[in-house]
Amino acid sequence: MSFTATAEAMTPTTTPTTTTTTGGTAGAADAPGLGGLPDVPCPRELSTSDARELTRVFFERLHSLEEGTHAYQYVRNTLIEMNISLVQFAARPFRDRPGGPENEDIIQVGIIGLIKAIDRYDPERNTQLTTLALPYITGEIKRHFRDTTWAVRVPRRLQELRLELARATEELTAETDQAPTPAELAERLDLTEDEVRQGLVAANGYTTQSLDVPQDNVAGGTQAATAVRASRSLAETMGDIDPALEAVEDRQALAPLLADLDERCTHILELRFGQEMTQAEIGEEIGLSQMQVSRLLTRTLGTLRAELLQD
């Protein structure tokens, strides 16, 4: 996301511009209606005092130009370039967060806030642009972190509650020298315990860990280096559904039904499923043909199945 693209996207103009190497538009001399306006070839390189003075001059001219003209776009883009330092200043408190000011995206997000401030600034109110711009810039950066840094999207109220809970937890831990309970947090924040628990659960969605990340499998108290086992991923240490557990319930339901079968049918089932004999081998064992054994198995299994489904 480039600054030039951002600035042009937020300007309803139809006249193309020529950008300089610093991201500004063509010089004042190249646009009609800009006579007497200082030419600023490198707006980002201005000192703070020069930028403040030129900002006042450019704002006076901006409000006299027709929106959408080449002259209007030149003045507006130069104002943005001259005040990029405000974005860099506002981004400093976020340097300890993942994707902080060293991340170009954060600067670009802050520039969007600067553009909004410039579009809403009224020099007739005799206030500095800084007074309006910094809240806009900071707000855009905070909104960026709120919308992009959570691993699991949660409602905004829970995102804000996470910060309140973190501060309250730190304060109560310092006061009592132990981790606070949900009841203590609820009393400190004037919330219900359910709201606190909801916030604590939602806070788990801020970061996630891949199931493929290796885990430390060193057993507690192990002293010998040879006892250290190779790290395995979290997925490899998690249990899975055991198909045999389903068979336990089936066996318990089937036991009384098997007890009601006659001795011959029970013996055939034992030979077929207990000793895994073929129907021909079962026939030789009990003196029946393979066809008779097949019919007895089919009838017996059908009866058991119907009674199980009926239950």
C-alpha atoms as a PDB file:
ATOM      1  CA  MET A   1       0.000   0.000   0.000  1.00  0.00           C
ATOM      2  CA  SER A   2       1.736   3.171  -1.160  1.00  0.00           C
ATOM      3  CA  PHE A   3       1.147   6.708   0.018  1.00  0.00           C
ATOM      4  CA  THR A   4       0.531   8.045  -3.506  1.00  0.00           C
ATOM      5  CA  ALA A   5      -2.124   5.438  -4.135  1.00  0.00           C
ATOM      6  CA  THR A   6      -3.751   6.208  -0.774  1.00  0.00           C
ATOM      7  CA  ALA A   7      -3.796   9.929  -1.329  1.00  0.00           C
ATOM      8  CA  GLU A   8      -5.218   9.596  -4.837  1.00  0.00           C
ATOM      9  CA  ALA A   9      -7.848   7.093  -3.667  1.00  0.00           C
ATOM     10  CA  MET A  10      -9.188   9.554  -1.093  1.00  0.00           C
ATOM     11  CA  THR A  11      -9.220  12.514  -3.513  1.00  0.00           C
ATOM     12  CA  PRO A  12     -12.203  12.701  -5.891  1.00  0.00           C
ATOM     13  CA  THR A  13     -10.183  14.086  -8.804  1.00  0.00           C
ATOM     14  CA  THR A  14     -10.108  13.247 -12.465  1.00  0.00           C
ATOM     15  CA  THR A  15      -6.950  15.146 -13.375  1.00  0.00           C
ATOM     16  CA  PRO A  16      -3.806  12.943 -13.394  1.00  0.00           C
ATOM     17  CA  THR A  17      -0.809  14.082 -11.382  1.00  0.00           C
ATOM     18  CA  THR A  18       2.915  13.800 -11.826  1.00  0.00           C
ATOM     19  CA  THR A  19       4.676  12.578  -8.719  1.00  0.00           C
ATOM     20  CA  THR A  20       8.146  13.523  -7.617  1.00  0.00           C
ATOM     21  CA  THR A  21      10.695  11.160  -6.086  1.00  0.00           C
ATOM     22  CA  THR A  22       9.486  12.119  -2.607  1.00  0.00           C
ATOM     23  CA  GLY A  23       5.863  11.199  -3.276  1.00  0.00           C
ATOM     24  CA  GLY A  24       4.539  14.771  -3.771  1.00  0.00           C
ATOM     25  CA  THR A  25       2.955  16.207  -6.922  1.00  0.00           C
ATOM     26  CA  ALA A  26       4.429  18.506  -9.509  1.00  0.00           C
ATOM     27  CA  GLY A  27       5.729  21.868  -8.393  1.00  0.00           C
ATOM     28  CA  ALA A  28       3.553  24.889  -7.745  1.00  0.00           C
ATOM     29  CA  ALA A  29       4.815  26.561 -10.884  1.00  0.00           C
ATOM     30  CA  ASP A  30       3.374  23.733 -12.997  1.00  0.00           C
ATOM     31  CA  ALA A  31      -0.235  24.313 -11.913  1.00  0.00           C
ATOM     32  CA  PRO A  32      -2.361  27.384 -12.702  1.00  0.00           C
ATOM     33  CA  GLY A  33      -3.769  29.269  -9.738  1.00  0.00           C
ATOM     34  CA  LEU A  34      -0.752  28.619  -7.507  1.00  0.00           C
ATOM     35  CA  GLY A  35       1.141  31.809  -8.138  1.00  0.00           C
ATOM     36  CA  GLY A  36       3.024  33.057  -5.074  1.00  0.00           C
ATOM     37  CA  LEU A  37       2.821  29.693  -3.329  1.00  0.00           C
ATOM     38  CA  PRO A  38       6.245  28.368  -2.230  1.00  0.00           C
ATOM     39  CA  ASP A  39       7.595  25.465  -4.254  1.00  0.00           C
ATOM     40  CA  VAL A  40       8.461  22.556  -1.942  1.00  0.00           C
ATOM     41  CA  PRO A  41      10.449  19.946  -3.900  1.00  0.00           C
ATOM     42  CA  CYS A  42      11.116  17.703  -0.860  1.00  0.00           C
ATOM     43  CA  PRO A  43       8.258  18.172   1.630  1.00  0.00           C
ATOM     44  CA  ARG A  44       9.349  15.279   3.877  1.00  0.00           C
ATOM     45  CA  GLU A  45      12.761  16.802   4.460  1.00  0.00           C
ATOM     46  CA  LEU A  46      11.475  20.059   5.974  1.00  0.00           C
ATOM     47  CA  SER A  47      12.333  20.911   9.563  1.00  0.00           C
ATOM     48  CA  THR A  48       9.524  20.938  12.103  1.00  0.00           C
ATOM     49  CA  SER A  49       9.347  24.720  12.271  1.00  0.00           C
ATOM     50  CA  ASP A  50       9.376  25.111   8.469  1.00  0.00           C
ATOM     51  CA  ALA A  51       6.718  22.432   8.077  1.00  0.00           C
ATOM     52  CA  ARG A  52       4.491  24.155  10.652  1.00  0.00           C
ATOM     53  CA  GLU A  53       4.802  27.543   8.931  1.00  0.00           C
ATOM     54  CA  LEU A  54       4.302  26.160   5.418  1.00  0.00           C
ATOM     55  CA  THR A  55       1.344  24.084   6.596  1.00  0.00           C
ATOM     56  CA  ARG A  56      -0.434  27.288   7.615  1.00  0.00           C
ATOM     57  CA  VAL A  57       0.327  28.884   4.243  1.00  0.00           C
ATOM     58  CA  PHE A  58      -0.791  25.848   2.234  1.00  0.00           C
ATOM     59  CA  PHE A  59      -4.019  25.491   4.212  1.00  0.00           C
ATOM     60  CA  GLU A  60      -4.907  29.112   3.477  1.00  0.00           C
ATOM     61  CA  ARG A  61      -4.486  28.418  -0.229  1.00  0.00           C
ATOM     62  CA  LEU A  62      -6.209  25.004  -0.077  1.00  0.00           C
ATOM     63  CA  HIS A  63      -9.513  26.509   1.062  1.00  0.00           C
ATOM     64  CA  SER A  64      -9.478  28.992  -1.812  1.00  0.00           C
ATOM     65  CA  LEU A  65      -9.105  26.304  -4.495  1.00  0.00           C
ATOM     66  CA  GLU A  66     -11.806  24.266  -6.151  1.00  0.00           C
ATOM     67  CA  GLU A  67     -11.823  20.663  -5.016  1.00  0.00           C
ATOM     68  CA  GLY A  68     -10.840  18.239  -7.768  1.00  0.00           C
ATOM     69  CA  THR A  69      -8.503  20.566  -9.654  1.00  0.00           C
ATOM     70  CA  HIS A  70      -4.826  19.904 -10.247  1.00  0.00           C
ATOM     71  CA  ALA A  71      -3.920  22.861  -8.028  1.00  0.00           C
ATOM     72  CA  TYR A  72      -6.085  21.540  -5.189  1.00  0.00           C
ATOM     73  CA  GLN A  73      -4.487  18.119  -5.422  1.00  0.00           C
ATOM     74  CA  TYR A  74      -0.975  19.564  -5.420  1.00  0.00           C
ATOM     75  CA  VAL A  75      -1.619  21.614  -2.260  1.00  0.00           C
ATOM     76  CA  ARG A  76      -3.370  18.757  -0.478  1.00  0.00           C
ATOM     77  CA  ASN A  77      -0.697  16.168  -1.299  1.00  0.00           C
ATOM     78  CA  THR A  78       2.069  18.572  -0.274  1.00  0.00           C
ATOM     79  CA  LEU A  79       0.343  19.103   3.083  1.00  0.00           C
ATOM     80  CA  ILE A  80       0.278  15.346   3.570  1.00  0.00           C
ATOM     81  CA  GLU A  81       3.962  14.991   2.694  1.00  0.00           C
ATOM     82  CA  MET A  82       5.010  17.848   4.972  1.00  0.00           C
ATOM     83  CA  ASN A  83       3.290  16.275   7.979  1.00  0.00           C
ATOM     84  CA  ILE A  84       4.414  12.656   7.624  1.00  0.00           C
ATOM     85  CA  SER A  85       6.552  13.229  10.720  1.00  0.00           C
ATOM     86  CA  LEU A  86       3.313  13.355  12.757  1.00  0.00           C
ATOM     87  CA  VAL A  87       2.591   9.784  11.668  1.00  0.00           C
ATOM     88  CA  GLN A  88       6.069   8.629  12.658  1.00  0.00           C
ATOM     89  CA  PHE A  89       5.699  10.327  16.034  1.00  0.00           C
ATOM     90  CA  ALA A  90       2.267   8.787  16.690  1.00  0.00           C
ATOM     91  CA  ALA A  91       3.548   5.311  15.736  1.00  0.00           C
ATOM     92  CA  ARG A  92       6.330   5.291  18.351  1.00  0.00           C
ATOM     93  CA  PRO A  93       4.176   4.010  21.263  1.00  0.00           C
ATOM     94  CA  PHE A  94       3.340   0.954  19.154  1.00  0.00           C
ATOM     95  CA  ARG A  95       6.968  -0.043  18.610  1.00  0.00           C
ATOM     96  CA  ASP A  96       6.751  -2.948  21.088  1.00  0.00           C
ATOM     97  CA  ARG A  97       3.779  -4.548  19.383  1.00  0.00           C
ATOM     98  CA  PRO A  98       4.092  -7.135  16.592  1.00  0.00           C
ATOM     99  CA  GLY A  99       4.141  -5.235  13.318  1.00  0.00           C
ATOM    100  CA  GLY A 100       5.115  -1.965  15.011  1.00  0.00           C
ATOM    101  CA  PRO A 101       6.385   1.225  13.355  1.00  0.00           C
ATOM    102  CA  GLU A 102       9.166  -0.624  11.590  1.00  0.00           C
ATOM    103  CA  ASN A 103       6.373  -2.237   9.600  1.00  0.00           C
ATOM    104  CA  GLU A 104       5.540  -0.036   6.612  1.00  0.00           C
ATOM    105  CA  ASP A 105       1.869  -0.991   6.886  1.00  0.00           C
ATOM    106  CA  ILE A 106       1.579   0.829  10.217  1.00  0.00           C
ATOM    107  CA  ILE A 107       2.937   4.036   8.691  1.00  0.00           C
ATOM    108  CA  GLN A 108       0.544   3.744   5.763  1.00  0.00           C
ATOM    109  CA  VAL A 109      -2.384   3.216   8.128  1.00  0.00           C
ATOM    110  CA  GLY A 110      -1.307   6.309  10.056  1.00  0.00           C
ATOM    111  CA  ILE A 111      -1.151   8.293   6.810  1.00  0.00           C
ATOM    112  CA  ILE A 112      -4.808   7.475   6.232  1.00  0.00           C
ATOM    113  CA  GLY A 113      -5.573   9.100   9.579  1.00  0.00           C
ATOM    114  CA  LEU A 114      -3.452  12.119   8.583  1.00  0.00           C
ATOM    115  CA  ILE A 115      -5.380  12.453   5.312  1.00  0.00           C
ATOM    116  CA  LYS A 116      -8.695  12.397   7.171  1.00  0.00           C
ATOM    117  CA  ALA A 117      -7.439  15.082   9.559  1.00  0.00           C
ATOM    118  CA  ILE A 118      -6.274  17.317   6.704  1.00  0.00           C
ATOM    119  CA  ASP A 119      -9.643  16.973   4.958  1.00  0.00           C
ATOM    120  CA  ARG A 120     -11.455  17.989   8.148  1.00  0.00           C
ATOM    121  CA  TYR A 121      -9.091  20.690   9.387  1.00  0.00           C
ATOM    122  CA  ASP A 122     -10.446  24.234   9.544  1.00  0.00           C
ATOM    123  CA  PRO A 123      -7.676  26.852   9.982  1.00  0.00           C
ATOM    124  CA  GLU A 124     -10.249  29.493  10.952  1.00  0.00           C
ATOM    125  CA  ARG A 125     -10.626  27.810  14.340  1.00  0.00           C
ATOM    126  CA  ASN A 126      -7.078  28.929  15.209  1.00  0.00           C
ATOM    127  CA  THR A 127      -5.949  25.477  16.270  1.00  0.00           C
ATOM    128  CA  GLN A 128      -2.814  23.634  15.218  1.00  0.00           C
ATOM    129  CA  LEU A 129      -3.139  20.770  12.756  1.00  0.00           C
ATOM    130  CA  THR A 130      -1.324  18.608  15.317  1.00  0.00           C
ATOM    131  CA  THR A 131      -4.251  18.919  17.745  1.00  0.00           C
ATOM    132  CA  LEU A 132      -6.612  17.316  15.240  1.00  0.00           C
ATOM    133  CA  ALA A 133      -4.201  15.027  13.382  1.00  0.00           C
ATOM    134  CA  LEU A 134      -2.682  13.035  16.250  1.00  0.00           C
ATOM    135  CA  PRO A 135      -6.026  11.609  17.513  1.00  0.00           C
ATOM    136  CA  TYR A 136      -6.976  10.693  13.946  1.00  0.00           C
ATOM    137  CA  ILE A 137      -3.621   9.009  13.283  1.00  0.00           C
ATOM    138  CA  THR A 138      -3.578   7.149  16.591  1.00  0.00           C
ATOM    139  CA  GLY A 139      -7.171   6.066  16.084  1.00  0.00           C
ATOM    140  CA  GLU A 140      -6.410   4.565  12.677  1.00  0.00           C
ATOM    141  CA  ILE A 141      -3.395   2.681  14.030  1.00  0.00           C
ATOM    142  CA  LYS A 142      -5.372   1.322  16.986  1.00  0.00           C
ATOM    143  CA  ARG A 143      -8.160   0.290  14.633  1.00  0.00           C
ATOM    144  CA  HIS A 144      -5.593  -1.512  12.502  1.00  0.00           C
ATOM    145  CA  PHE A 145      -4.318  -3.496  15.480  1.00  0.00           C
ATOM    146  CA  ARG A 146      -7.861  -4.218  16.609  1.00  0.00           C
ATOM    147  CA  ASP A 147      -8.937  -5.549  13.214  1.00  0.00           C
ATOM    148  CA  THR A 148      -5.793  -7.375  12.078  1.00  0.00           C
ATOM    149  CA  THR A 149      -3.742  -8.611  15.034  1.00  0.00           C
ATOM    150  CA  TRP A 150      -6.320 -10.848  16.740  1.00  0.00           C
ATOM    151  CA  ALA A 151      -5.896 -14.458  15.695  1.00  0.00           C
ATOM    152  CA  VAL A 152      -9.604 -15.041  16.361  1.00  0.00           C
ATOM    153  CA  ARG A 153     -12.044 -12.228  15.687  1.00  0.00           C
ATOM    154  CA  VAL A 154     -14.039 -11.282  18.796  1.00  0.00           C
ATOM    155  CA  PRO A 155     -16.454  -8.379  19.428  1.00  0.00           C
ATOM    156  CA  ARG A 156     -14.884  -4.993  20.047  1.00  0.00           C
ATOM    157  CA  ARG A 157     -16.201  -4.787  23.613  1.00  0.00           C
ATOM    158  CA  LEU A 158     -14.335  -8.006  24.452  1.00  0.00           C
ATOM    159  CA  GLN A 159     -11.161  -6.692  22.814  1.00  0.00           C
ATOM    160  CA  GLU A 160     -11.337  -3.596  25.007  1.00  0.00           C
ATOM    161  CA  LEU A 161     -12.222  -5.720  28.040  1.00  0.00           C
ATOM    162  CA  ARG A 162      -9.035  -7.731  27.503  1.00  0.00           C
ATOM    163  CA  LEU A 163      -6.951  -4.580  28.064  1.00  0.00           C
ATOM    164  CA  GLU A 164      -8.936  -3.638  31.163  1.00  0.00           C
ATOM    165  CA  LEU A 165      -8.534  -7.121  32.593  1.00  0.00           C
ATOM    166  CA  ALA A 166      -4.803  -7.069  31.918  1.00  0.00           C
ATOM    167  CA  ARG A 167      -4.381  -3.759  33.775  1.00  0.00           C
ATOM    168  CA  ALA A 168      -6.596  -4.865  36.671  1.00  0.00           C
ATOM    169  CA  THR A 169      -4.760  -8.182  36.939  1.00  0.00           C
ATOM    170  CA  GLU A 170      -1.414  -6.410  37.103  1.00  0.00           C
ATOM    171  CA  GLU A 171      -2.626  -3.988  39.766  1.00  0.00           C
ATOM    172  CA  LEU A 172      -4.233  -6.653  41.960  1.00  0.00           C
ATOM    173  CA  THR A 173      -1.235  -8.948  41.636  1.00  0.00           C
ATOM    174  CA  ALA A 174       1.021  -6.135  42.831  1.00  0.00           C
ATOM    175  CA  GLU A 175      -1.292  -5.423  45.776  1.00  0.00           C
ATOM    176  CA  THR A 176      -1.927  -8.998  46.966  1.00  0.00           C
ATOM    177  CA  ASP A 177       1.157 -10.776  45.597  1.00  0.00           C
ATOM    178  CA  GLN A 178      -1.055 -13.432  44.027  1.00  0.00           C
ATOM    179  CA  ALA A 179      -3.154 -13.875  40.914  1.00  0.00           C
ATOM    180  CA  PRO A 180      -6.617 -12.327  41.341  1.00  0.00           C
ATOM    181  CA  THR A 181      -9.792 -14.368  41.137  1.00  0.00           C
ATOM    182  CA  PRO A 182     -12.633 -13.541  38.715  1.00  0.00           C
ATOM    183  CA  ALA A 183     -14.604 -12.207  41.676  1.00  0.00           C
ATOM    184  CA  GLU A 184     -11.806  -9.784  42.592  1.00  0.00           C
ATOM    185  CA  LEU A 185     -11.474  -8.640  38.995  1.00  0.00           C
ATOM    186  CA  ALA A 186     -15.230  -8.149  38.770  1.00  0.00           C
ATOM    187  CA  GLU A 187     -15.204  -6.004  41.924  1.00  0.00           C
ATOM    188  CA  ARG A 188     -12.281  -3.905  40.673  1.00  0.00           C
ATOM    189  CA  LEU A 189     -13.846  -3.281  37.230  1.00  0.00           C
ATOM    190  CA  ASP A 190     -17.450  -3.041  38.473  1.00  0.00           C
ATOM    191  CA  LEU A 191     -18.479  -5.992  36.287  1.00  0.00           C
ATOM    192  CA  THR A 192     -20.236  -9.292  36.876  1.00  0.00           C
ATOM    193  CA  GLU A 193     -18.209 -12.464  37.252  1.00  0.00           C
ATOM    194  CA  ASP A 194     -19.777 -13.827  34.060  1.00  0.00           C
ATOM    195  CA  GLU A 195     -18.560 -10.781  32.130  1.00  0.00           C
ATOM    196  CA  VAL A 196     -15.063 -11.244  33.542  1.00  0.00           C
ATOM    197  CA  ARG A 197     -15.005 -14.930  32.622  1.00  0.00           C
ATOM    198  CA  GLN A 198     -16.245 -14.096  29.151  1.00  0.00           C
ATOM    199  CA  GLY A 199     -13.448 -11.559  28.741  1.00  0.00           C
ATOM    200  CA  LEU A 200     -10.819 -14.016  29.984  1.00  0.00           C
ATOM    201  CA  VAL A 201     -11.994 -16.653  27.525  1.00  0.00           C
ATOM    202  CA  ALA A 202     -12.058 -14.140  24.669  1.00  0.00           C
ATOM    203  CA  ALA A 203      -8.504 -13.019  25.519  1.00  0.00           C
ATOM    204  CA  ASN A 204      -7.304 -16.471  24.488  1.00  0.00           C
ATOM    205  CA  GLY A 205      -8.200 -15.554  20.929  1.00  0.00           C
ATOM    206  CA  TYR A 206      -5.547 -12.829  20.695  1.00  0.00           C
ATOM    207  CA  THR A 207      -2.810 -15.295  19.805  1.00  0.00           C
ATOM    208  CA  THR A 208      -2.859 -18.895  18.673  1.00  0.00           C
ATOM    209  CA  GLN A 209      -0.253 -21.618  18.435  1.00  0.00           C
ATOM    210  CA  SER A 210       0.105 -23.975  15.526  1.00  0.00           C
ATOM    211  CA  LEU A 211      -0.461 -27.648  16.236  1.00  0.00           C
ATOM    212  CA  ASP A 212       2.751 -28.316  14.300  1.00  0.00           C
ATOM    213  CA  VAL A 213       4.961 -26.302  16.670  1.00  0.00           C
ATOM    214  CA  PRO A 214       7.399 -28.636  18.497  1.00  0.00           C
ATOM    215  CA  GLN A 215       6.691 -29.047  22.206  1.00  0.00           C
ATOM    216  CA  ASP A 216       9.176 -29.569  25.030  1.00  0.00           C
ATOM    217  CA  ASN A 217       8.820 -33.192  26.075  1.00  0.00           C
ATOM    218  CA  VAL A 218      11.502 -33.206  28.781  1.00  0.00           C
ATOM    219  CA  ALA A 219      10.146 -35.062  31.801  1.00  0.00           C
ATOM    220  CA  GLY A 220      10.135 -33.166  35.092  1.00  0.00           C
ATOM    221  CA  GLY A 221      13.063 -33.975  37.336  1.00  0.00           C
ATOM    222  CA  THR A 222      15.126 -35.583  34.573  1.00  0.00           C
ATOM    223  CA  GLN A 223      18.807 -34.983  35.114  1.00  0.00           C
ATOM    224  CA  ALA A 224      20.515 -37.192  32.558  1.00  0.00           C
ATOM    225  CA  ALA A 225      20.939 -35.698  29.137  1.00  0.00           C
ATOM    226  CA  THR A 226      20.114 -39.048  27.586  1.00  0.00           C
ATOM    227  CA  ALA A 227      16.631 -38.827  29.045  1.00  0.00           C
ATOM    228  CA  VAL A 228      15.756 -35.844  26.862  1.00  0.00           C
ATOM    229  CA  ARG A 229      13.423 -37.051  24.184  1.00  0.00           C
ATOM    230  CA  ALA A 230      13.038 -35.512  20.735  1.00  0.00           C
ATOM    231  CA  SER A 231      10.506 -32.708  20.555  1.00  0.00           C
ATOM    232  CA  ARG A 232       7.167 -33.602  19.091  1.00  0.00           C
ATOM    233  CA  SER A 233       4.434 -31.352  17.763  1.00  0.00           C
ATOM    234  CA  LEU A 234       1.367 -30.600  19.848  1.00  0.00           C
ATOM    235  CA  ALA A 235      -0.771 -32.488  17.348  1.00  0.00           C
ATOM    236  CA  GLU A 236       1.258 -35.645  17.994  1.00  0.00           C
ATOM    237  CA  THR A 237       0.596 -35.437  21.739  1.00  0.00           C
ATOM    238  CA  MET A 238      -3.167 -34.937  21.459  1.00  0.00           C
ATOM    239  CA  GLY A 239      -5.543 -37.851  21.835  1.00  0.00           C
ATOM    240  CA  ASP A 240      -7.885 -39.023  19.116  1.00  0.00           C
ATOM    241  CA  ILE A 241     -11.190 -40.859  18.984  1.00  0.00           C
ATOM    242  CA  ASP A 242     -10.728 -44.502  19.974  1.00  0.00           C
ATOM    243  CA  PRO A 243     -12.950 -46.710  17.783  1.00  0.00           C
ATOM    244  CA  ALA A 244     -12.781 -49.462  20.419  1.00  0.00           C
ATOM    245  CA  LEU A 245     -14.778 -47.294  22.850  1.00  0.00           C
ATOM    246  CA  GLU A 246     -17.812 -47.523  20.604  1.00  0.00           C
ATOM    247  CA  ALA A 247     -17.570 -51.313  20.705  1.00  0.00           C
ATOM    248  CA  VAL A 248     -17.830 -51.286  24.510  1.00  0.00           C
ATOM    249  CA  GLU A 249     -21.328 -49.844  24.406  1.00  0.00           C
ATOM    250  CA  ASP A 250     -22.338 -52.234  21.627  1.00  0.00           C
ATOM    251  CA  ARG A 251     -21.124 -55.233  23.618  1.00  0.00           C
ATOM    252  CA  GLN A 252     -23.032 -54.150  26.714  1.00  0.00           C
ATOM    253  CA  ALA A 253     -26.214 -53.766  24.685  1.00  0.00           C
ATOM    254  CA  LEU A 254     -25.670 -57.071  22.874  1.00  0.00           C
ATOM    255  CA  ALA A 255     -24.874 -59.224  25.948  1.00  0.00           C
ATOM    256  CA  PRO A 256     -28.497 -59.807  27.150  1.00  0.00           C
ATOM    257  CA  LEU A 257     -29.632 -60.549  23.594  1.00  0.00           C
ATOM    258  CA  LEU A 258     -26.948 -63.201  23.165  1.00  0.00           C
ATOM    259  CA  ALA A 259     -28.001 -64.794  26.431  1.00  0.00           C
ATOM    260  CA  ASP A 260     -31.488 -65.395  24.984  1.00  0.00           C
ATOM    261  CA  LEU A 261     -30.175 -67.355  21.945  1.00  0.00           C
ATOM    262  CA  ASP A 262     -30.314 -71.139  21.855  1.00  0.00           C
ATOM    263  CA  GLU A 263     -27.126 -73.150  22.363  1.00  0.00           C
ATOM    264  CA  ARG A 264     -26.619 -73.976  18.678  1.00  0.00           C
ATOM    265  CA  CYS A 265     -26.887 -70.384  17.477  1.00  0.00           C
ATOM    266  CA  THR A 266     -24.570 -69.222  20.240  1.00  0.00           C
ATOM    267  CA  HIS A 267     -22.038 -71.900  19.288  1.00  0.00           C
ATOM    268  CA  ILE A 268     -22.183 -70.901  15.600  1.00  0.00           C
ATOM    269  CA  LEU A 269     -21.585 -67.238  16.483  1.00  0.00           C
ATOM    270  CA  GLU A 270     -18.633 -68.209  18.682  1.00  0.00           C
ATOM    271  CA  LEU A 271     -17.064 -70.295  15.899  1.00  0.00           C
ATOM    272  CA  ARG A 272     -17.666 -67.610  13.263  1.00  0.00           C
ATOM    273  CA  PHE A 273     -16.672 -64.447  15.109  1.00  0.00           C
ATOM    274  CA  GLY A 274     -14.679 -65.797  18.048  1.00  0.00           C
ATOM    275  CA  GLN A 275     -12.510 -68.344  16.224  1.00  0.00           C
ATOM    276  CA  GLU A 276     -12.962 -66.755  12.762  1.00  0.00           C
ATOM    277  CA  MET A 277     -13.867 -70.068  11.106  1.00  0.00           C
ATOM    278  CA  THR A 278     -15.447 -70.186   7.656  1.00  0.00           C
ATOM    279  CA  GLN A 279     -19.001 -71.342   7.158  1.00  0.00           C
ATOM    280  CA  ALA A 280     -17.766 -74.584   5.617  1.00  0.00           C
ATOM    281  CA  GLU A 281     -15.508 -75.259   8.609  1.00  0.00           C
ATOM    282  CA  ILE A 282     -18.377 -74.529  10.983  1.00  0.00           C
ATOM    283  CA  GLY A 283     -20.581 -76.981   9.090  1.00  0.00           C
ATOM    284  CA  GLU A 284     -18.019 -79.727   9.454  1.00  0.00           C
ATOM    285  CA  GLU A 285     -17.673 -78.918  13.150  1.00  0.00           C
ATOM    286  CA  ILE A 286     -21.389 -79.179  14.022  1.00  0.00           C
ATOM    287  CA  GLY A 287     -22.550 -81.562  11.252  1.00  0.00           C
ATOM    288  CA  LEU A 288     -24.421 -79.106   9.011  1.00  0.00           C
ATOM    289  CA  SER A 289     -24.000 -78.022   5.415  1.00  0.00           C
ATOM    290  CA  GLN A 290     -22.422 -74.698   4.544  1.00  0.00           C
ATOM    291  CA  MET A 291     -25.837 -73.488   3.253  1.00  0.00           C
ATOM    292  CA  GLN A 292     -27.564 -74.335   6.541  1.00  0.00           C
ATOM    293  CA  VAL A 293     -24.861 -72.533   8.493  1.00  0.00           C
ATOM    294  CA  SER A 294     -25.239 -69.482   6.227  1.00  0.00           C
ATOM    295  CA  ARG A 295     -29.015 -69.395   6.767  1.00  0.00           C
ATOM    296  CA  LEU A 296     -28.675 -69.778  10.539  1.00  0.00           C
ATOM    297  CA  LEU A 297     -26.103 -66.943  10.664  1.00  0.00           C
ATOM    298  CA  THR A 298     -28.242 -64.689   8.523  1.00  0.00           C
ATOM    299  CA  ARG A 299     -31.370 -65.290  10.599  1.00  0.00           C
ATOM    300  CA  THR A 300     -29.546 -64.921  13.920  1.00  0.00           C
ATOM    301  CA  LEU A 301     -27.726 -61.723  12.942  1.00  0.00           C
ATOM    302  CA  GLY A 302     -30.926 -60.250  11.511  1.00  0.00           C
ATOM    303  CA  THR A 303     -32.762 -60.947  14.769  1.00  0.00           C
ATOM    304  CA  LEU A 304     -30.004 -59.406  16.872  1.00  0.00           C
ATOM    305  CA  ARG A 305     -29.826 -56.345  14.623  1.00  0.00           C
ATOM    306  CA  ALA A 306     -33.562 -55.774  14.752  1.00  0.00           C
ATOM    307  CA  GLU A 307     -33.644 -56.036  18.544  1.00  0.00           C
ATOM    308  CA  LEU A 308     -30.695 -53.647  18.918  1.00  0.00           C
ATOM    309  CA  LEU A 309     -32.313 -51.057  16.661  1.00  0.00           C
ATOM    310  CA  GLN A 310     -35.614 -51.487  18.465  1.00  0.00           C
ATOM    311  CA  ASP A 311     -33.950 -50.759  21.802  1.00  0.00           C
END
